[in-house]
Amino acid sequence: MRILVYLFCLFLLPTRGLADSCHAFEITGLTQTNVSLTLGELIDQATQGFPEMSLVQAKSDEAAAYRDYADSLFAGSHVAQIGYLDHEPIDGFGQKQFDFSITVQPWQWGENSAVERIANAAGTEHKLYREFVRYSVAGLVRDSLWRIALACFEREKVMQQMGLASDLLDVVTTRVRSGDLGEADLLLARSDFLASKAELIRVSGKLGHVVYVYQSITGVGEIPGQFEEVRHPIATIDSSHIAIRTLNMLIEKEKAKIALIRYQTNSQFLLGLGYIRQQETWGSPAQNSLSVAVDVPFGAPDRLNTEIASSNAELNEVIVQRDMLLRNLRLQLQEASRHIEVGTENLQLAEDRAELAKRYIDIQEVGFRYGEISLSELLTARKHSFEAIYSLKRQRIVLNREIALYNQVAGVLP
């Protein structure tokens, strides 16, 4: 009768969050459940300690550097030159000449605009990449949380099985002593109990591993009390997806860099201004003059073309990656949608099967009580009924996991 009560109560249990299903898991001390911790807060905490955040800072520094470069008055560094020319030490006569010049590198036509494009693209890419890192971390967090949920479910299931096996062992032991059952039935009950105990050791080890993975990803020892999600209505993937937006901005930045290469690969356009002072001897009248020089680069198209071709190859690699990612995301979204549809149908079937299992074990329990069936037949019936009832609970977890996967593929973040 105690077995029947266990199964009946088990069937009446409502759908619960991980906080309830992992109650026994909390006792192990591996982690704690924080009912006030939301999934979004957990993802934020995990993102802050993620290694890719160093790239976010690097991209921020890159954007700031290009912004300073775009705001500068000149395209490159300046050169100051001081010279002195004296013929007397060699020839014994001649002029003395002192000259001073400054050469600057002004912006070429369109060069500053190219740098401005890079600065704008890098600034936007930095912000998008931060969101992309959070999106990537969200996928790892979601996956690890639902792995814990499934592992907790398996451990709870085995603990219930072991509890039922222990109760059955007590009942069989009493009936063997009274002569109602034989020694073989007692051995069978003990074997069933030991099998459940061995299974508990296995699933507990599995739970410990998934918790370790979760803690290594998040860096925290807590799990949210509730992290079930609602399926987002997004039906397709387009350019608004965070991963696609990030790659599009990277492509825009690389295109601007290629435009800049056209100006910086060859010799630079230079402008020089100089002052020259000439005199026969010290103290004699001096002749002062002003010089202006312009250096105009030309030629070397092959060297320029190799640089541009190399950069174009890298740019096209990014474009191909974006297009492949977009295609894969659309396929994954369709697959996730089908899994949800199948999971919903399986959930209804599991509910019907669990209802039948409850009624079946009720009948078998009465039959065993009155000696109409053997212990082995009861164990078989209990196993099938137990699996049916727990299949319902597992199907609920799997369906929630598929919804979370759908939202992750769709680029939806809490």
Protein backbone atom coordinates (compact mmCIF):
# COMPACT_ATOMS: atom_id res chain seq x y z
CA MET A 1 0.00 0.00 0.00
CA ARG A 2 2.89 2.35 0.75
CA ILE A 3 4.13 1.78 -2.80
CA LEU A 4 0.76 2.80 -4.16
CA VAL A 5 0.74 5.97 -2.05
CA TYR A 6 4.21 6.90 -3.32
CA LEU A 7 3.19 6.53 -6.93
CA PHE A 8 -0.13 8.29 -6.44
CA CYS A 9 1.54 11.31 -4.81
CA LEU A 10 4.21 11.29 -7.49
CA PHE A 11 1.55 11.46 -10.20
CA LEU A 12 -0.17 14.40 -8.55
CA LEU A 13 2.99 16.48 -8.34
CA PRO A 14 2.66 19.66 -10.46
CA THR A 15 5.32 20.92 -12.83
CA ARG A 16 8.06 22.35 -10.64
CA GLY A 17 11.06 24.57 -11.14
CA LEU A 18 14.62 23.47 -10.63
CA ALA A 19 14.60 24.81 -7.08
CA ASP A 20 12.10 22.12 -6.04
CA SER A 21 13.33 19.27 -8.19
CA CYS A 22 16.89 19.78 -6.90
CA HIS A 23 16.02 19.98 -3.24
CA ALA A 24 18.00 16.83 -2.53
CA PHE A 25 20.75 18.20 -4.74
CA GLU A 26 21.05 21.28 -2.50
CA ILE A 27 21.67 19.04 0.48
CA THR A 28 24.82 17.75 -1.19
CA GLY A 29 26.32 21.25 -0.82
CA LEU A 30 27.38 21.45 -4.46
CA THR A 31 25.46 24.66 -5.04
CA GLN A 32 22.54 26.70 -3.75
CA THR A 33 19.27 27.88 -5.20
CA ASN A 34 18.58 31.62 -5.11
CA VAL A 35 14.92 32.30 -5.79
CA SER A 36 15.61 36.02 -6.26
CA LEU A 37 18.28 35.41 -8.91
CA THR A 38 16.91 35.81 -12.45
CA LEU A 39 18.27 34.25 -15.61
CA GLY A 40 19.23 37.68 -16.98
CA GLU A 41 21.17 38.56 -13.83
CA LEU A 42 22.96 35.22 -13.93
CA ILE A 43 23.99 35.78 -17.56
CA ASP A 44 25.26 39.27 -16.68
CA GLN A 45 27.37 37.88 -13.83
CA ALA A 46 28.77 35.12 -16.02
CA THR A 47 29.56 37.56 -18.83
CA GLN A 48 31.62 39.85 -16.59
CA GLY A 49 34.06 37.07 -15.78
CA PHE A 50 34.19 35.56 -19.25
CA PRO A 51 37.62 35.60 -21.00
CA GLU A 52 36.19 37.20 -24.17
CA MET A 53 35.53 40.40 -22.21
CA SER A 54 39.23 41.24 -22.69
CA LEU A 55 38.51 41.42 -26.43
CA VAL A 56 35.69 43.85 -25.71
CA GLN A 57 38.17 46.16 -23.98
CA ALA A 58 40.65 45.74 -26.85
CA LYS A 59 37.97 46.70 -29.37
CA SER A 60 37.08 49.71 -27.23
CA ASP A 61 40.73 50.81 -27.29
CA GLU A 62 40.83 50.32 -31.06
CA ALA A 63 37.74 52.49 -31.54
CA ALA A 64 39.20 55.23 -29.32
CA ALA A 65 42.51 55.15 -31.20
CA TYR A 66 40.83 55.53 -34.60
CA ARG A 67 38.62 58.31 -33.24
CA ASP A 68 41.70 60.26 -32.08
CA TYR A 69 43.33 59.66 -35.45
CA ALA A 70 40.26 60.88 -37.35
CA ASP A 71 40.13 64.06 -35.23
CA SER A 72 43.80 64.94 -35.79
CA LEU A 73 44.73 67.80 -38.15
CA PHE A 74 47.34 65.85 -40.09
CA ALA A 75 47.52 62.35 -41.48
CA GLY A 76 50.96 61.49 -40.10
CA SER A 77 53.95 62.60 -38.12
CA HIS A 78 55.93 65.81 -38.79
CA VAL A 79 59.61 66.17 -39.65
CA ALA A 80 61.82 69.09 -38.57
CA GLN A 81 65.20 69.49 -40.33
CA ILE A 82 68.10 71.80 -39.45
CA GLY A 83 71.13 72.15 -41.75
CA TYR A 84 74.37 74.13 -41.96
CA LEU A 85 76.60 74.47 -45.05
CA ASP A 86 80.07 76.08 -44.97
CA HIS A 87 82.56 76.08 -47.90
CA GLU A 88 85.43 77.81 -46.10
CA PRO A 89 86.86 74.84 -44.17
CA ILE A 90 87.44 73.02 -47.47
CA ASP A 91 88.02 75.68 -50.11
CA GLY A 92 89.14 78.55 -47.90
CA PHE A 93 86.38 80.73 -49.23
CA GLY A 94 82.68 80.53 -50.05
CA GLN A 95 79.30 81.11 -48.50
CA LYS A 96 77.93 79.97 -45.25
CA GLN A 97 74.36 78.67 -45.30
CA PHE A 98 71.91 77.84 -42.51
CA ASP A 99 68.54 76.26 -43.27
CA PHE A 100 65.56 75.07 -41.26
CA SER A 101 62.47 73.26 -42.60
CA ILE A 102 59.34 71.54 -41.35
CA THR A 103 57.57 68.83 -43.35
CA VAL A 104 54.00 67.83 -42.54
CA GLN A 105 51.74 65.08 -43.89
CA PRO A 106 48.32 66.51 -44.72
CA TRP A 107 45.23 64.41 -45.30
CA GLN A 108 44.84 63.24 -48.85
CA TRP A 109 41.51 63.63 -50.54
CA GLY A 110 39.16 61.06 -48.97
CA GLU A 111 41.75 59.72 -46.51
CA ASN A 112 40.24 61.36 -43.45
CA SER A 113 36.78 60.14 -44.47
CA ALA A 114 38.11 56.57 -44.59
CA VAL A 115 39.54 56.88 -41.08
CA GLU A 116 36.25 58.40 -39.93
CA ARG A 117 34.40 55.38 -41.31
CA ILE A 118 36.74 53.04 -39.48
CA ALA A 119 36.29 54.95 -36.22
CA ASN A 120 32.49 54.88 -36.49
CA ALA A 121 32.43 51.20 -37.44
CA ALA A 122 34.87 50.26 -34.66
CA GLY A 123 32.83 52.15 -32.08
CA THR A 124 29.64 50.39 -33.11
CA GLU A 125 31.40 47.03 -33.38
CA HIS A 126 32.70 47.41 -29.84
CA LYS A 127 29.16 47.83 -28.49
CA LEU A 128 27.78 45.01 -30.62
CA TYR A 129 30.60 42.67 -29.65
CA ARG A 130 29.79 43.20 -25.99
CA GLU A 131 26.21 42.11 -26.74
CA PHE A 132 27.51 39.19 -28.81
CA VAL A 133 29.65 37.97 -25.91
CA ARG A 134 26.59 38.13 -23.66
CA TYR A 135 24.64 36.19 -26.29
CA SER A 136 27.36 33.52 -26.45
CA VAL A 137 27.50 33.25 -22.68
CA ALA A 138 23.70 33.00 -22.54
CA GLY A 139 23.87 29.90 -24.72
CA LEU A 140 26.38 28.24 -22.39
CA VAL A 141 24.41 29.21 -19.29
CA ARG A 142 21.11 28.00 -20.71
CA ASP A 143 22.63 24.69 -21.77
CA SER A 144 24.33 24.09 -18.42
CA LEU A 145 21.20 24.99 -16.43
CA TRP A 146 19.05 22.52 -18.32
CA ARG A 147 21.73 19.85 -18.05
CA ILE A 148 21.55 20.36 -14.30
CA ALA A 149 17.75 20.18 -14.47
CA LEU A 150 17.89 16.85 -16.29
CA ALA A 151 20.59 15.52 -13.95
CA CYS A 152 18.53 16.59 -10.94
CA PHE A 153 15.51 14.86 -12.42
CA GLU A 154 17.46 11.64 -12.91
CA ARG A 155 18.76 11.77 -9.34
CA GLU A 156 15.32 12.47 -7.93
CA LYS A 157 13.90 9.60 -9.98
CA VAL A 158 16.52 7.15 -8.75
CA MET A 159 16.04 8.29 -5.15
CA GLN A 160 12.31 7.61 -5.48
CA GLN A 161 13.07 4.21 -6.98
CA MET A 162 15.42 3.39 -4.14
CA GLY A 163 12.82 4.51 -1.60
CA LEU A 164 10.19 2.28 -3.18
CA ALA A 165 12.68 -0.59 -3.38
CA SER A 166 13.48 -0.13 0.31
CA ASP A 167 9.81 -0.13 1.27
CA LEU A 168 9.18 -3.21 -0.85
CA LEU A 169 12.16 -4.93 0.76
CA ASP A 170 10.64 -4.30 4.20
CA VAL A 171 7.29 -5.70 3.08
CA VAL A 172 8.84 -8.78 1.50
CA THR A 173 11.06 -9.40 4.52
CA THR A 174 8.00 -9.37 6.80
CA ARG A 175 6.05 -11.72 4.54
CA VAL A 176 8.98 -14.10 4.19
CA ARG A 177 9.23 -14.31 7.96
CA SER A 178 5.51 -15.05 8.15
CA GLY A 179 5.80 -17.71 5.47
CA ASP A 180 3.72 -15.94 2.81
CA LEU A 181 6.67 -15.58 0.42
CA GLY A 182 9.74 -17.64 -0.33
CA GLU A 183 13.43 -16.86 0.14
CA ALA A 184 13.80 -16.26 -3.60
CA ASP A 185 11.42 -13.30 -3.39
CA LEU A 186 13.55 -11.78 -0.65
CA LEU A 187 16.69 -12.14 -2.75
CA LEU A 188 14.91 -10.55 -5.69
CA ALA A 189 13.80 -7.58 -3.54
CA ARG A 190 17.32 -7.13 -2.18
CA SER A 191 18.77 -7.24 -5.69
CA ASP A 192 16.30 -4.57 -6.82
CA PHE A 193 17.26 -2.34 -3.89
CA LEU A 194 21.01 -2.71 -4.53
CA ALA A 195 20.52 -1.95 -8.23
CA SER A 196 18.73 1.27 -7.32
CA LYS A 197 21.54 2.17 -4.91
CA ALA A 198 24.19 1.62 -7.59
CA GLU A 199 22.21 3.75 -10.03
CA LEU A 200 22.03 6.53 -7.44
CA ILE A 201 25.81 6.58 -7.19
CA ARG A 202 26.09 6.87 -10.98
CA VAL A 203 23.59 9.71 -11.41
CA SER A 204 25.04 11.58 -8.41
CA GLY A 205 28.45 11.55 -10.08
CA LYS A 206 26.90 12.82 -13.30
CA LEU A 207 25.17 15.60 -11.39
CA GLY A 208 28.42 16.61 -9.76
CA HIS A 209 30.08 16.91 -13.18
CA VAL A 210 27.38 19.11 -14.74
CA VAL A 211 27.43 21.34 -11.66
CA TYR A 212 31.20 21.73 -11.99
CA VAL A 213 30.76 22.73 -15.64
CA TYR A 214 28.07 25.23 -14.63
CA GLN A 215 30.26 26.80 -11.97
CA SER A 216 33.23 27.04 -14.34
CA ILE A 217 31.03 28.87 -16.86
CA THR A 218 29.23 31.22 -14.50
CA GLY A 219 31.75 31.61 -11.70
CA VAL A 220 28.91 31.54 -9.16
CA GLY A 221 27.63 28.89 -6.78
CA GLU A 222 23.95 29.68 -7.16
CA ILE A 223 21.25 28.73 -9.64
CA PRO A 224 18.03 30.63 -10.30
CA GLY A 225 14.93 29.26 -8.67
CA GLN A 226 13.03 29.76 -11.92
CA PHE A 227 14.44 29.91 -15.43
CA GLU A 228 11.70 28.47 -17.64
CA GLU A 229 11.13 30.67 -20.70
CA VAL A 230 8.28 31.53 -23.03
CA ARG A 231 8.82 30.86 -26.71
CA HIS A 232 9.51 34.09 -28.58
CA PRO A 233 7.31 34.72 -31.65
CA ILE A 234 10.32 35.24 -33.95
CA ALA A 235 9.80 32.96 -36.95
CA THR A 236 12.98 33.58 -38.97
CA ILE A 237 16.52 34.91 -38.72
CA ASP A 238 17.46 38.16 -40.44
CA SER A 239 20.09 40.89 -40.21
CA SER A 240 18.71 42.05 -36.84
CA HIS A 241 20.21 38.98 -35.13
CA ILE A 242 23.02 40.03 -32.80
CA ALA A 243 25.56 37.67 -34.39
CA ILE A 244 24.73 38.88 -37.91
CA ARG A 245 24.78 42.54 -36.83
CA THR A 246 28.21 42.07 -35.27
CA LEU A 247 29.64 40.47 -38.40
CA ASN A 248 28.05 43.12 -40.63
CA MET A 249 29.75 45.86 -38.65
CA LEU A 250 33.05 43.97 -38.82
CA ILE A 251 32.62 43.80 -42.60
CA GLU A 252 31.94 47.54 -42.72
CA LYS A 253 35.09 48.21 -40.72
CA GLU A 254 37.21 45.99 -42.97
CA LYS A 255 35.87 47.74 -46.08
CA ALA A 256 36.88 51.11 -44.63
CA LYS A 257 40.34 49.74 -43.83
CA ILE A 258 40.76 48.65 -47.44
CA ALA A 259 39.87 52.18 -48.55
CA LEU A 260 42.51 53.53 -46.17
CA ILE A 261 45.14 51.16 -47.54
CA ARG A 262 44.94 52.94 -50.89
CA TYR A 263 46.31 56.07 -49.21
CA GLN A 264 48.81 54.57 -46.80
CA THR A 265 50.46 51.80 -48.78
CA ASN A 266 52.39 54.05 -51.19
CA SER A 267 54.59 57.02 -50.32
CA GLN A 268 52.67 59.76 -48.61
CA PHE A 269 51.73 63.18 -49.88
CA LEU A 270 54.06 65.62 -48.06
CA LEU A 271 54.16 69.40 -47.69
CA GLY A 272 57.35 71.18 -46.59
CA LEU A 273 58.05 74.77 -45.52
CA GLY A 274 61.64 75.99 -45.00
CA TYR A 275 63.82 79.02 -44.18
CA ILE A 276 67.33 79.55 -45.68
CA ARG A 277 69.95 82.11 -44.58
CA GLN A 278 73.10 82.68 -46.67
CA GLN A 279 76.08 85.05 -46.10
CA GLU A 280 79.70 85.36 -47.25
CA THR A 281 81.26 85.74 -43.81
CA TRP A 282 80.04 86.10 -40.28
CA GLY A 283 78.76 89.62 -39.82
CA SER A 284 78.36 90.31 -43.57
CA PRO A 285 74.93 91.05 -45.03
CA ALA A 286 72.82 87.90 -45.21
CA GLN A 287 70.39 86.74 -47.83
CA ASN A 288 67.20 85.21 -46.41
CA SER A 289 64.83 83.07 -48.45
CA LEU A 290 61.73 80.92 -47.97
CA SER A 291 61.26 77.49 -49.55
CA VAL A 292 58.14 75.47 -50.20
CA ALA A 293 58.21 71.80 -51.29
CA VAL A 294 55.47 69.34 -52.25
CA ASP A 295 56.08 65.59 -52.53
CA VAL A 296 53.49 63.83 -54.73
CA PRO A 297 53.64 59.99 -54.67
CA PHE A 298 53.12 58.00 -57.87
CA GLY A 299 53.90 54.62 -59.27
CA ALA A 300 54.26 51.24 -57.46
CA PRO A 301 50.72 50.04 -58.34
CA ASP A 302 51.69 46.36 -57.98
CA ARG A 303 52.65 46.77 -54.32
CA LEU A 304 49.38 48.58 -53.67
CA ASN A 305 47.39 45.90 -55.46
CA THR A 306 48.92 43.08 -53.40
CA GLU A 307 47.96 44.81 -50.15
CA ILE A 308 44.41 45.43 -51.36
CA ALA A 309 44.04 41.87 -52.70
CA SER A 310 45.18 40.39 -49.41
CA SER A 311 42.75 42.55 -47.45
CA ASN A 312 39.95 41.71 -49.86
CA ALA A 313 40.58 38.00 -49.31
CA GLU A 314 40.24 38.46 -45.55
CA LEU A 315 37.11 40.53 -46.06
CA ASN A 316 35.50 37.85 -48.19
CA GLU A 317 36.28 35.23 -45.56
CA VAL A 318 34.23 37.24 -43.06
CA ILE A 319 31.41 37.66 -45.59
CA VAL A 320 31.35 33.90 -46.20
CA GLN A 321 31.31 33.24 -42.46
CA ARG A 322 28.38 35.61 -42.07
CA ASP A 323 26.40 33.99 -44.88
CA MET A 324 27.09 30.48 -43.56
CA LEU A 325 26.15 31.51 -40.04
CA LEU A 326 22.90 33.04 -41.26
CA ARG A 327 22.02 29.86 -43.11
CA ASN A 328 22.91 27.65 -40.14
CA LEU A 329 20.91 29.80 -37.74
CA ARG A 330 17.84 29.55 -39.95
CA LEU A 331 18.20 25.79 -40.14
CA GLN A 332 18.68 25.53 -36.38
CA LEU A 333 15.63 27.70 -35.77
CA GLN A 334 13.47 25.49 -37.98
CA GLU A 335 14.83 22.39 -36.25
CA ALA A 336 14.16 23.88 -32.82
CA SER A 337 10.63 24.76 -33.90
CA ARG A 338 9.99 21.18 -35.00
CA HIS A 339 11.38 19.86 -31.72
CA ILE A 340 8.95 22.06 -29.80
CA GLU A 341 6.03 20.82 -31.89
CA VAL A 342 7.06 17.20 -31.40
CA GLY A 343 7.71 17.82 -27.70
CA THR A 344 4.27 19.31 -27.23
CA GLU A 345 2.63 16.27 -28.80
CA ASN A 346 4.82 13.90 -26.77
CA LEU A 347 3.87 15.75 -23.60
CA GLN A 348 0.18 15.07 -24.24
CA LEU A 349 0.94 11.40 -24.90
CA ALA A 350 3.04 11.23 -21.73
CA GLU A 351 0.18 12.66 -19.69
CA ASP A 352 -2.21 10.01 -21.07
CA ARG A 353 0.33 7.27 -20.47
CA ALA A 354 0.92 8.40 -16.89
CA GLU A 355 -2.81 8.31 -16.18
CA LEU A 356 -3.01 4.73 -17.46
CA ALA A 357 0.11 3.79 -15.48
CA LYS A 358 -1.46 5.00 -12.24
CA ARG A 359 -4.55 2.91 -12.80
CA TYR A 360 -2.47 -0.11 -13.84
CA ILE A 361 -0.22 -0.12 -10.78
CA ASP A 362 -3.32 0.26 -8.60
CA ILE A 363 -4.71 -2.97 -10.02
CA GLN A 364 -1.38 -4.81 -9.77
CA GLU A 365 -0.88 -3.71 -6.17
CA VAL A 366 -4.24 -5.21 -5.19
CA GLY A 367 -3.40 -8.40 -7.06
CA PHE A 368 -0.08 -8.78 -5.23
CA ARG A 369 -1.75 -8.16 -1.88
CA TYR A 370 -4.13 -11.06 -2.45
CA GLY A 371 -1.51 -13.34 -3.97
CA GLU A 372 -2.87 -13.21 -7.50
CA ILE A 373 0.49 -12.14 -9.00
CA SER A 374 4.08 -12.87 -8.05
CA LEU A 375 6.68 -10.42 -6.77
CA SER A 376 8.52 -10.46 -10.10
CA GLU A 377 5.29 -9.54 -11.87
CA LEU A 378 4.73 -6.69 -9.40
CA LEU A 379 8.28 -5.43 -9.92
CA THR A 380 7.80 -5.47 -13.67
CA ALA A 381 4.48 -3.61 -13.39
CA ARG A 382 5.99 -1.11 -10.97
CA LYS A 383 8.94 -0.50 -13.29
CA HIS A 384 6.71 0.21 -16.28
CA SER A 385 4.36 2.44 -14.29
CA PHE A 386 7.23 4.28 -12.65
CA GLU A 387 8.86 4.94 -16.03
CA ALA A 388 5.59 6.22 -17.47
CA ILE A 389 4.99 8.64 -14.62
CA TYR A 390 8.55 9.96 -14.63
CA SER A 391 8.53 10.15 -18.41
CA LEU A 392 5.86 12.84 -18.04
CA LYS A 393 8.07 14.91 -15.75
CA ARG A 394 11.08 14.45 -18.00
CA GLN A 395 9.09 15.45 -21.06
CA ARG A 396 8.13 18.72 -19.36
CA ILE A 397 11.80 19.46 -18.69
CA VAL A 398 12.82 18.56 -22.25
CA LEU A 399 10.10 20.78 -23.72
CA ASN A 400 11.22 23.75 -21.60
CA ARG A 401 14.78 23.07 -22.66
CA GLU A 402 13.77 23.11 -26.34
CA ILE A 403 12.00 26.45 -25.83
CA ALA A 404 15.16 27.89 -24.27
CA LEU A 405 17.20 26.57 -27.21
CA TYR A 406 14.74 28.15 -29.65
CA ASN A 407 15.09 31.53 -27.95
CA GLN A 408 18.87 31.20 -27.95
CA VAL A 409 19.01 30.46 -31.68
CA ALA A 410 16.59 33.32 -32.36
CA GLY A 411 18.92 35.71 -30.53
CA VAL A 412 16.45 36.45 -27.72
CA LEU A 413 18.11 37.32 -24.42
CA PRO A 414 16.45 37.72 -21.01
